[in-house]
C-alpha cells in the first residue's frame, strides 16, 4: 500500500518474481469512470473508491479461498479501506511503502504514460492514514533501490 509513486507496482512485480506468487495491480481494476476522473485531475471520493475496493477484496478473497498466496498493489489509503481488505483474508499482511512528499512528487513528475497526474498526489497524501501498530504493517522506506526494498519485505515475511 501507499500513495501513487511509492512503487507499489514495481515492488509487487519484484515480490512476485522472487516468490512465484501471482501479482495484481489494483490500478487495473479501477472502473473507467474512476480512471477518467483521475486523468482529468479530479480526486476520487470514498463513493468512487468503495466499488473498486470491493473488486480488490474479491481478488484477495479468491486467493484466500483457493488456499494460495498473492500480492496486490493497492493504495489502501485509509484504515477503513484496509479493514475491508482484511475481511477478504484475515491473514492479510499490509506492506506500507512510505516516502516523503518531496520524493513522491519527484517520482510522479518523472513518470510517463500513467493516468494519475502529479497534481492529485497532494489529495492522496491528505487522505492517507498510515497503518497503526495493531494492523501489524511492514513499513519500508522507498528511498532505497527497488531490490533493497523487496529484500527488506521478504526478510520481514520470513522468506
C-alpha atoms as a PDB file:
ATOM      1  CA  UNK A   1       0.000   0.000   0.000  1.00  0.00           C
ATOM      2  CA  UNK A   2       0.976   3.603  -0.431  1.00  0.00           C
ATOM      3  CA  UNK A   3       0.206   6.694  -2.409  1.00  0.00           C
ATOM      4  CA  UNK A   4       0.824   6.984  -6.118  1.00  0.00           C
ATOM      5  CA  UNK A   5       4.523   6.973  -6.922  1.00  0.00           C
ATOM      6  CA  UNK A   6       5.524   4.898  -3.905  1.00  0.00           C
ATOM      7  CA  UNK A   7       6.453   1.913  -6.069  1.00  0.00           C
ATOM      8  CA  UNK A   8       3.562  -0.475  -5.455  1.00  0.00           C
ATOM      9  CA  UNK A   9       3.613  -1.903  -8.987  1.00  0.00           C
ATOM     10  CA  UNK A  10       7.386  -2.145  -9.245  1.00  0.00           C
ATOM     11  CA  UNK A  11       7.776  -3.758  -5.833  1.00  0.00           C
ATOM     12  CA  UNK A  12       4.751  -6.003  -6.368  1.00  0.00           C
ATOM     13  CA  UNK A  13       6.220  -7.373  -9.597  1.00  0.00           C
ATOM     14  CA  UNK A  14       9.615  -7.917  -7.931  1.00  0.00           C
ATOM     15  CA  UNK A  15       7.990  -9.704  -5.000  1.00  0.00           C
ATOM     16  CA  UNK A  16       6.053 -11.893  -7.431  1.00  0.00           C
ATOM     17  CA  UNK A  17       9.260 -12.753  -9.271  1.00  0.00           C
ATOM     18  CA  UNK A  18      11.014 -13.718  -6.011  1.00  0.00           C
ATOM     19  CA  UNK A  19       8.111 -15.692  -4.533  1.00  0.00           C
ATOM     20  CA  UNK A  20       6.319 -17.087  -7.556  1.00  0.00           C
ATOM     21  CA  UNK A  21       3.066 -15.669  -6.182  1.00  0.00           C
ATOM     22  CA  UNK A  22       0.578 -14.013  -8.520  1.00  0.00           C
ATOM     23  CA  UNK A  23       0.543 -10.214  -8.570  1.00  0.00           C
ATOM     24  CA  UNK A  24      -2.427  -7.994  -9.318  1.00  0.00           C
ATOM     25  CA  UNK A  25      -2.228  -4.235  -9.744  1.00  0.00           C
ATOM     26  CA  UNK A  26      -5.358  -2.642  -8.274  1.00  0.00           C
ATOM     27  CA  UNK A  27      -4.997   0.262 -10.710  1.00  0.00           C
ATOM     28  CA  UNK A  28      -6.094  -2.153 -13.438  1.00  0.00           C
ATOM     29  CA  UNK A  29      -9.323  -2.853 -11.543  1.00  0.00           C
ATOM     30  CA  UNK A  30     -10.485   0.779 -11.479  1.00  0.00           C
ATOM     31  CA  UNK A  31     -13.681   1.355 -13.425  1.00  0.00           C
ATOM     32  CA  UNK A  32     -13.250   3.579 -16.461  1.00  0.00           C
ATOM     33  CA  UNK A  33     -15.146   6.410 -14.727  1.00  0.00           C
ATOM     34  CA  UNK A  34     -12.518   6.483 -11.958  1.00  0.00           C
ATOM     35  CA  UNK A  35      -9.670   6.492 -14.468  1.00  0.00           C
ATOM     36  CA  UNK A  36     -11.303   9.309 -16.440  1.00  0.00           C
ATOM     37  CA  UNK A  37     -11.838  11.317 -13.266  1.00  0.00           C
ATOM     38  CA  UNK A  38      -8.208  10.945 -12.174  1.00  0.00           C
ATOM     39  CA  UNK A  39      -6.927  11.636 -15.679  1.00  0.00           C
ATOM     40  CA  UNK A  40      -8.896  14.900 -15.562  1.00  0.00           C
ATOM     41  CA  UNK A  41      -7.190  15.790 -12.273  1.00  0.00           C
ATOM     42  CA  UNK A  42     -10.272  15.204 -10.116  1.00  0.00           C
ATOM     43  CA  UNK A  43      -9.562  13.379  -6.835  1.00  0.00           C
ATOM     44  CA  UNK A  44     -11.569  10.241  -6.131  1.00  0.00           C
ATOM     45  CA  UNK A  45     -14.067  10.277  -3.302  1.00  0.00           C
ATOM     46  CA  UNK A  46     -14.894   7.423  -0.951  1.00  0.00           C
ATOM     47  CA  UNK A  47     -18.017   6.882  -3.051  1.00  0.00           C
ATOM     48  CA  UNK A  48     -15.784   6.385  -6.102  1.00  0.00           C
ATOM     49  CA  UNK A  49     -13.392   4.078  -4.266  1.00  0.00           C
ATOM     50  CA  UNK A  50     -15.740   1.634  -2.497  1.00  0.00           C
ATOM     51  CA  UNK A  51     -16.851  -0.367  -5.591  1.00  0.00           C
ATOM     52  CA  UNK A  52     -13.217  -0.567  -6.714  1.00  0.00           C
ATOM     53  CA  UNK A  53     -12.075  -1.662  -3.260  1.00  0.00           C
ATOM     54  CA  UNK A  54     -14.732  -4.392  -3.255  1.00  0.00           C
ATOM     55  CA  UNK A  55     -13.218  -5.719  -6.505  1.00  0.00           C
ATOM     56  CA  UNK A  56      -9.785  -5.675  -4.882  1.00  0.00           C
ATOM     57  CA  UNK A  57     -11.226  -7.515  -1.859  1.00  0.00           C
ATOM     58  CA  UNK A  58     -12.849 -10.074  -4.186  1.00  0.00           C
ATOM     59  CA  UNK A  59      -9.451 -10.862  -5.741  1.00  0.00           C
ATOM     60  CA  UNK A  60      -7.905 -11.248  -2.290  1.00  0.00           C
ATOM     61  CA  UNK A  61     -10.822 -13.404  -1.113  1.00  0.00           C
ATOM     62  CA  UNK A  62     -10.485 -15.676  -4.135  1.00  0.00           C
ATOM     63  CA  UNK A  63      -6.777 -16.193  -3.475  1.00  0.00           C
ATOM     64  CA  UNK A  64      -7.570 -16.955   0.185  1.00  0.00           C
ATOM     65  CA  UNK A  65     -10.386 -19.366  -0.761  1.00  0.00           C
ATOM     66  CA  UNK A  66      -8.064 -21.160  -3.184  1.00  0.00           C
ATOM     67  CA  UNK A  67      -5.526 -21.545  -0.370  1.00  0.00           C
ATOM     68  CA  UNK A  68      -2.843 -19.700  -2.288  1.00  0.00           C
ATOM     69  CA  UNK A  69      -0.857 -16.566  -1.567  1.00  0.00           C
ATOM     70  CA  UNK A  70      -0.963 -13.471  -3.706  1.00  0.00           C
ATOM     71  CA  UNK A  71       0.319  -9.932  -3.946  1.00  0.00           C
ATOM     72  CA  UNK A  72      -1.969  -6.956  -4.513  1.00  0.00           C
ATOM     73  CA  UNK A  73      -0.624  -3.475  -5.213  1.00  0.00           C
ATOM     74  CA  UNK A  74      -3.291  -1.124  -3.868  1.00  0.00           C
ATOM     75  CA  UNK A  75      -3.180   2.368  -2.404  1.00  0.00           C
ATOM     76  CA  UNK A  76      -5.453   1.371   0.542  1.00  0.00           C
ATOM     77  CA  UNK A  77      -5.078   4.909   1.871  1.00  0.00           C
ATOM     78  CA  UNK A  78      -7.495   4.725   4.795  1.00  0.00           C
ATOM     79  CA  UNK A  79      -7.901   2.365   7.718  1.00  0.00           C
ATOM     80  CA  UNK A  80     -11.484   1.627   6.659  1.00  0.00           C
ATOM     81  CA  UNK A  81     -10.222   0.518   3.233  1.00  0.00           C
ATOM     82  CA  UNK A  82      -7.674  -1.819   4.781  1.00  0.00           C
ATOM     83  CA  UNK A  83     -10.321  -3.135   7.169  1.00  0.00           C
ATOM     84  CA  UNK A  84     -12.441  -4.105   4.150  1.00  0.00           C
ATOM     85  CA  UNK A  85      -9.469  -5.869   2.562  1.00  0.00           C
ATOM     86  CA  UNK A  86      -8.808  -7.768   5.792  1.00  0.00           C
ATOM     87  CA  UNK A  87     -12.371  -9.118   5.726  1.00  0.00           C
ATOM     88  CA  UNK A  88     -11.370 -10.840   2.475  1.00  0.00           C
ATOM     89  CA  UNK A  89      -8.415 -12.522   4.199  1.00  0.00           C
ATOM     90  CA  UNK A  90      -7.902 -12.254   7.952  1.00  0.00           C
ATOM     91  CA  UNK A  91      -4.211 -13.164   7.478  1.00  0.00           C
ATOM     92  CA  UNK A  92      -3.599 -10.296   5.066  1.00  0.00           C
ATOM     93  CA  UNK A  93      -0.248  -8.571   5.598  1.00  0.00           C
ATOM     94  CA  UNK A  94      -0.031  -4.893   4.768  1.00  0.00           C
ATOM     95  CA  UNK A  95       3.245  -3.559   3.381  1.00  0.00           C
ATOM     96  CA  UNK A  96       3.346   0.226   3.546  1.00  0.00           C
ATOM     97  CA  UNK A  97       5.779   1.877   1.147  1.00  0.00           C
ATOM     98  CA  UNK A  98       6.485   5.134   2.965  1.00  0.00           C
ATOM     99  CA  UNK A  99       8.099   8.144   1.349  1.00  0.00           C
ATOM    100  CA  UNK A 100       8.393  11.869   1.810  1.00  0.00           C
ATOM    101  CA  UNK A 101       6.114  14.168  -0.159  1.00  0.00           C
ATOM    102  CA  UNK A 102       9.186  15.613  -1.883  1.00  0.00           C
ATOM    103  CA  UNK A 103      10.416  12.216  -3.102  1.00  0.00           C
ATOM    104  CA  UNK A 104       6.916  11.165  -4.169  1.00  0.00           C
ATOM    105  CA  UNK A 105       6.391  14.389  -6.145  1.00  0.00           C
ATOM    106  CA  UNK A 106       9.769  13.871  -7.815  1.00  0.00           C
ATOM    107  CA  UNK A 107       8.913  10.300  -8.783  1.00  0.00           C
ATOM    108  CA  UNK A 108       5.487  11.170 -10.162  1.00  0.00           C
ATOM    109  CA  UNK A 109       6.780  14.098 -12.179  1.00  0.00           C
ATOM    110  CA  UNK A 110       9.248  11.738 -13.911  1.00  0.00           C
ATOM    111  CA  UNK A 111       6.595   9.119 -14.707  1.00  0.00           C
ATOM    112  CA  UNK A 112       5.101   8.980 -18.201  1.00  0.00           C
ATOM    113  CA  UNK A 113       2.067   7.180 -19.592  1.00  0.00           C
ATOM    114  CA  UNK A 114       0.194   6.810 -16.291  1.00  0.00           C
ATOM    115  CA  UNK A 115      -3.357   8.103 -15.817  1.00  0.00           C
ATOM    116  CA  UNK A 116      -2.563   9.608 -12.415  1.00  0.00           C
ATOM    117  CA  UNK A 117      -1.440  13.240 -12.780  1.00  0.00           C
ATOM    118  CA  UNK A 118       1.078  14.723 -10.319  1.00  0.00           C
ATOM    119  CA  UNK A 119      -1.477  17.289  -9.135  1.00  0.00           C
ATOM    120  CA  UNK A 120      -3.508  14.538  -7.400  1.00  0.00           C
ATOM    121  CA  UNK A 121      -0.682  13.423  -5.125  1.00  0.00           C
ATOM    122  CA  UNK A 122      -1.490  16.064  -2.503  1.00  0.00           C
ATOM    123  CA  UNK A 123      -5.096  14.825  -2.336  1.00  0.00           C
ATOM    124  CA  UNK A 124      -3.834  11.288  -1.711  1.00  0.00           C
ATOM    125  CA  UNK A 125      -1.407  12.495   0.937  1.00  0.00           C
ATOM    126  CA  UNK A 126      -4.279  14.336   2.654  1.00  0.00           C
ATOM    127  CA  UNK A 127      -6.390  11.155   2.619  1.00  0.00           C
ATOM    128  CA  UNK A 128      -3.546   8.901   3.763  1.00  0.00           C
ATOM    129  CA  UNK A 129      -3.958   7.286   7.171  1.00  0.00           C
ATOM    130  CA  UNK A 130      -0.724   5.483   7.900  1.00  0.00           C
ATOM    131  CA  UNK A 131      -1.203   1.965   9.253  1.00  0.00           C
ATOM    132  CA  UNK A 132      -1.434   1.662  13.024  1.00  0.00           C
ATOM    133  CA  UNK A 133       0.600  -0.853  15.062  1.00  0.00           C
ATOM    134  CA  UNK A 134      -2.475  -3.056  15.588  1.00  0.00           C
ATOM    135  CA  UNK A 135      -2.578  -3.587  11.796  1.00  0.00           C
ATOM    136  CA  UNK A 136       0.869  -5.257  12.034  1.00  0.00           C
ATOM    137  CA  UNK A 137       2.189  -3.469   8.956  1.00  0.00           C
ATOM    138  CA  UNK A 138       5.530  -3.955   7.339  1.00  0.00           C
ATOM    139  CA  UNK A 139       6.750  -0.383   6.847  1.00  0.00           C
ATOM    140  CA  UNK A 140       9.509   0.100   4.314  1.00  0.00           C
ATOM    141  CA  UNK A 141      11.073   3.418   3.250  1.00  0.00           C
ATOM    142  CA  UNK A 142      11.069   3.963  -0.503  1.00  0.00           C
ATOM    143  CA  UNK A 143      14.317   5.923  -0.749  1.00  0.00           C
ATOM    144  CA  UNK A 144      16.349   2.796  -1.462  1.00  0.00           C
ATOM    145  CA  UNK A 145      16.629   0.690  -4.607  1.00  0.00           C
ATOM    146  CA  UNK A 146      13.638  -1.477  -5.561  1.00  0.00           C
ATOM    147  CA  UNK A 147      15.773  -4.571  -4.975  1.00  0.00           C
ATOM    148  CA  UNK A 148      16.658  -3.488  -1.412  1.00  0.00           C
ATOM    149  CA  UNK A 149      13.018  -2.611  -0.731  1.00  0.00           C
ATOM    150  CA  UNK A 150      11.970  -6.041  -1.982  1.00  0.00           C
ATOM    151  CA  UNK A 151      14.611  -7.793   0.122  1.00  0.00           C
ATOM    152  CA  UNK A 152      13.503  -5.879   3.225  1.00  0.00           C
ATOM    153  CA  UNK A 153       9.927  -7.039   2.681  1.00  0.00           C
ATOM    154  CA  UNK A 154      10.969 -10.654   2.048  1.00  0.00           C
ATOM    155  CA  UNK A 155      13.043 -10.584   5.249  1.00  0.00           C
ATOM    156  CA  UNK A 156      10.061  -9.297   7.239  1.00  0.00           C
ATOM    157  CA  UNK A 157       7.889 -12.028   5.742  1.00  0.00           C
ATOM    158  CA  UNK A 158      10.473 -14.635   6.760  1.00  0.00           C
ATOM    159  CA  UNK A 159      11.277 -15.621   3.170  1.00  0.00           C
END
